[in-house]
Protein backbone atom coordinates (compact mmCIF):
# COMPACT_ATOMS: atom_id res chain seq x y z
CA MET A 1 15.97 5.32 16.90
CA SER A 2 16.53 6.98 13.57
CA ARG A 3 13.72 8.26 11.39
CA SER A 4 14.81 6.04 8.51
CA TRP A 5 14.52 2.96 10.73
CA LEU A 6 11.04 4.03 11.85
CA THR A 7 9.98 4.74 8.27
CA SER A 8 11.35 1.40 7.12
CA ARG A 9 9.56 -0.36 9.98
CA ALA A 10 6.28 1.38 9.11
CA ASP A 11 6.70 0.46 5.43
CA THR A 12 7.26 -3.17 6.39
CA THR A 13 4.19 -3.18 8.61
CA ARG A 14 2.07 -1.59 5.87
CA SER A 15 3.16 -4.08 3.23
CA ARG A 16 2.56 -6.99 5.62
CA TRP A 17 -1.03 -5.85 6.16
CA ALA A 18 -1.54 -5.68 2.42
CA VAL A 19 -0.02 -9.14 1.99
CA ALA A 20 -2.30 -10.41 4.76
CA GLY A 21 -5.28 -9.05 2.85
CA ALA A 22 -4.12 -10.83 -0.29
CA VAL A 23 -3.78 -14.05 1.70
CA VAL A 24 -7.39 -13.65 2.88
CA LEU A 25 -8.38 -13.26 -0.76
CA ALA A 26 -6.38 -16.37 -1.62
CA VAL A 27 -8.30 -18.29 1.03
CA THR A 28 -11.52 -17.03 -0.55
CA LEU A 29 -10.28 -18.39 -3.85
CA THR A 30 -9.26 -21.73 -2.37
CA GLY A 31 -12.76 -22.96 -3.14
CA CYS A 32 -12.00 -22.31 -6.79
CA THR A 33 -10.19 -25.62 -7.05
CA GLY A 34 -13.28 -27.60 -6.20
CA GLY A 35 -16.56 -28.40 -7.86
CA SER A 36 -17.79 -25.55 -9.99
CA TYR A 37 -14.44 -24.21 -11.17
CA SER A 38 -12.13 -25.32 -13.89
CA THR A 39 -8.51 -25.73 -12.90
CA ASP A 40 -7.58 -23.02 -15.44
CA THR A 41 -10.00 -20.49 -13.92
CA ALA A 42 -8.81 -21.25 -10.40
CA SER A 43 -5.18 -20.99 -11.47
CA THR A 44 -5.74 -17.68 -13.28
CA LEU A 45 -7.46 -16.11 -10.28
CA GLN A 46 -4.92 -17.48 -7.82
CA HIS A 47 -2.05 -16.12 -9.92
CA GLY A 48 -3.78 -12.74 -9.80
CA VAL A 49 -3.81 -12.93 -6.00
CA LEU A 50 -0.15 -13.90 -5.99
CA ALA A 51 0.69 -10.85 -8.12
CA VAL A 52 -1.10 -8.59 -5.60
CA ALA A 53 0.71 -10.22 -2.66
CA GLN A 54 4.12 -9.97 -4.35
CA ALA A 55 3.66 -6.28 -5.14
CA ALA A 56 2.52 -5.58 -1.58
CA ASP A 57 5.39 -7.60 -0.13
CA ALA A 58 7.81 -5.50 -2.20
CA ASN A 59 6.10 -2.44 -0.62
CA ASP A 60 4.82 -1.44 -4.06
CA LEU A 61 1.39 -0.42 -2.82
CA ALA A 62 0.46 1.40 -6.02
CA GLY A 63 1.51 -1.67 -8.01
CA ALA A 64 -0.52 -3.89 -5.67
CA LYS A 65 -3.55 -1.69 -6.29
CA GLU A 66 -3.04 -2.02 -10.07
CA LYS A 67 -2.70 -5.81 -9.75
CA LEU A 68 -5.87 -5.84 -7.68
CA ALA A 69 -7.71 -4.01 -10.47
CA ALA A 70 -6.45 -6.64 -12.92
CA LEU A 71 -7.67 -9.37 -10.59
CA GLU A 72 -11.06 -7.71 -10.43
CA ARG A 73 -11.22 -7.74 -14.24
CA LEU A 74 -10.32 -11.44 -14.24
CA ASN A 75 -13.01 -12.14 -11.65
CA ASN A 76 -15.64 -10.27 -13.67
CA ALA A 77 -14.58 -11.98 -16.90
CA ALA A 78 -14.74 -15.44 -15.28
CA PHE A 79 -18.22 -14.68 -14.01
CA GLY A 80 -19.27 -13.28 -17.38
CA ARG A 81 -18.16 -16.50 -19.07
CA GLY A 82 -20.05 -18.57 -16.49
CA GLU A 83 -16.83 -20.05 -15.07
CA ILE A 84 -17.64 -19.05 -11.48
CA SER A 85 -20.90 -18.78 -9.62
CA ARG A 86 -22.55 -15.52 -8.53
CA VAL A 87 -21.86 -16.43 -4.89
CA ARG A 88 -18.13 -16.98 -5.51
CA HIS A 89 -17.91 -13.87 -7.71
CA ASP A 90 -19.54 -11.76 -5.01
CA ALA A 91 -17.27 -13.20 -2.29
CA ILE A 92 -14.18 -12.42 -4.35
CA THR A 93 -15.52 -8.95 -5.19
CA ALA A 94 -16.09 -8.24 -1.48
CA SER A 95 -12.54 -9.35 -0.64
CA ILE A 96 -11.14 -7.19 -3.44
CA ALA A 97 -13.09 -4.18 -2.15
CA THR A 98 -11.72 -4.70 1.37
CA ILE A 99 -8.15 -5.01 0.14
CA ARG A 100 -8.58 -1.99 -2.15
CA ALA A 101 -9.76 0.10 0.81
CA ASP A 102 -6.80 -1.10 2.88
CA LEU A 103 -4.35 -0.30 0.08
CA SER A 104 -5.90 3.14 -0.41
CA HIS A 105 -5.55 3.82 3.31
CA LEU A 106 -1.94 2.63 3.28
CA LEU A 107 -1.16 4.77 0.24
CA ASP A 108 -2.70 7.79 1.99
CA GLN A 109 -0.60 7.11 5.09
CA ALA A 110 2.54 6.78 3.01
CA ALA A 111 1.81 10.06 1.22
CA GLN A 112 1.17 11.78 4.54
CA ALA A 113 4.45 10.44 5.93
CA ARG A 114 6.33 11.69 2.83
CA LEU A 115 4.79 15.14 3.21
CA GLN A 116 5.68 15.22 6.91
CA GLN A 117 9.25 14.24 6.09
CA GLN A 118 9.45 16.96 3.40
CA LEU A 119 8.13 19.52 5.88
CA GLN A 120 10.76 18.52 8.42
CA GLN A 121 13.48 18.80 5.77
CA ILE A 122 12.29 22.28 4.80
CA GLN A 123 12.24 23.36 8.44
CA GLN A 124 15.76 22.00 8.92
CA GLN A 125 16.96 23.83 5.81
CA GLN A 126 15.43 27.07 7.09
CA GLU A 127 17.14 26.64 10.47
CA ASP A 128 20.44 25.85 8.74
CA GLN A 129 20.08 28.95 6.57
CA GLN A 130 19.36 31.14 9.60
CA ASN A 131 22.41 29.72 11.37
CA ARG A 132 24.60 30.39 8.33
CA ASN A 133 23.39 33.98 8.30
CA GLY A 134 24.56 34.37 11.90
CA LYS A 135 21.15 34.44 13.47
CA GLY A 136 19.87 31.92 15.95
CA LYS A 137 16.30 30.88 16.58
CA ASN A 138 15.52 34.17 18.34
CA GLY A 139 16.68 36.20 15.34
CA LYS A 140 19.65 37.68 17.20
CA GLY A 141 23.29 37.35 16.41
CA ASP A 142 25.85 35.50 18.51
CA ASN A 143 26.30 38.39 20.96
CA GLY A 144 22.55 38.56 21.63
CA ASP A 145 22.22 42.23 20.65
CA GLY A 146 20.20 41.58 17.50
CA GLY A 147 23.03 42.19 15.13
């Protein structure tokens, strides 16, 4: 298996977890369409969730985190205007916090993977440079006499 395939597979898995988190948040918001919520408030919040899910699905984890912050602002504003109850606000806030933690973890993993890949590239470049200079891994020339 090639590294690029593994990296692509890991990226896909990461974005699917983030999308799954957004789906959980969407389920939390499903109650928005009933009783104490206006259709406009429910629609606004649900569109915010969709934006998070779309960014995560596109493997734009940083974008998903930004969309999540926007959703949090919408949630707080809806609560501040009395459009959602304290219980619903707190449930949405808890879901947002969970997804934010997951996205932060995924972003950290992605950064670590990029650094590991850069390190491997640097090591390969150093080996290539040593080989071009006529020295193998043991620092000796082709005839093994160190020169």
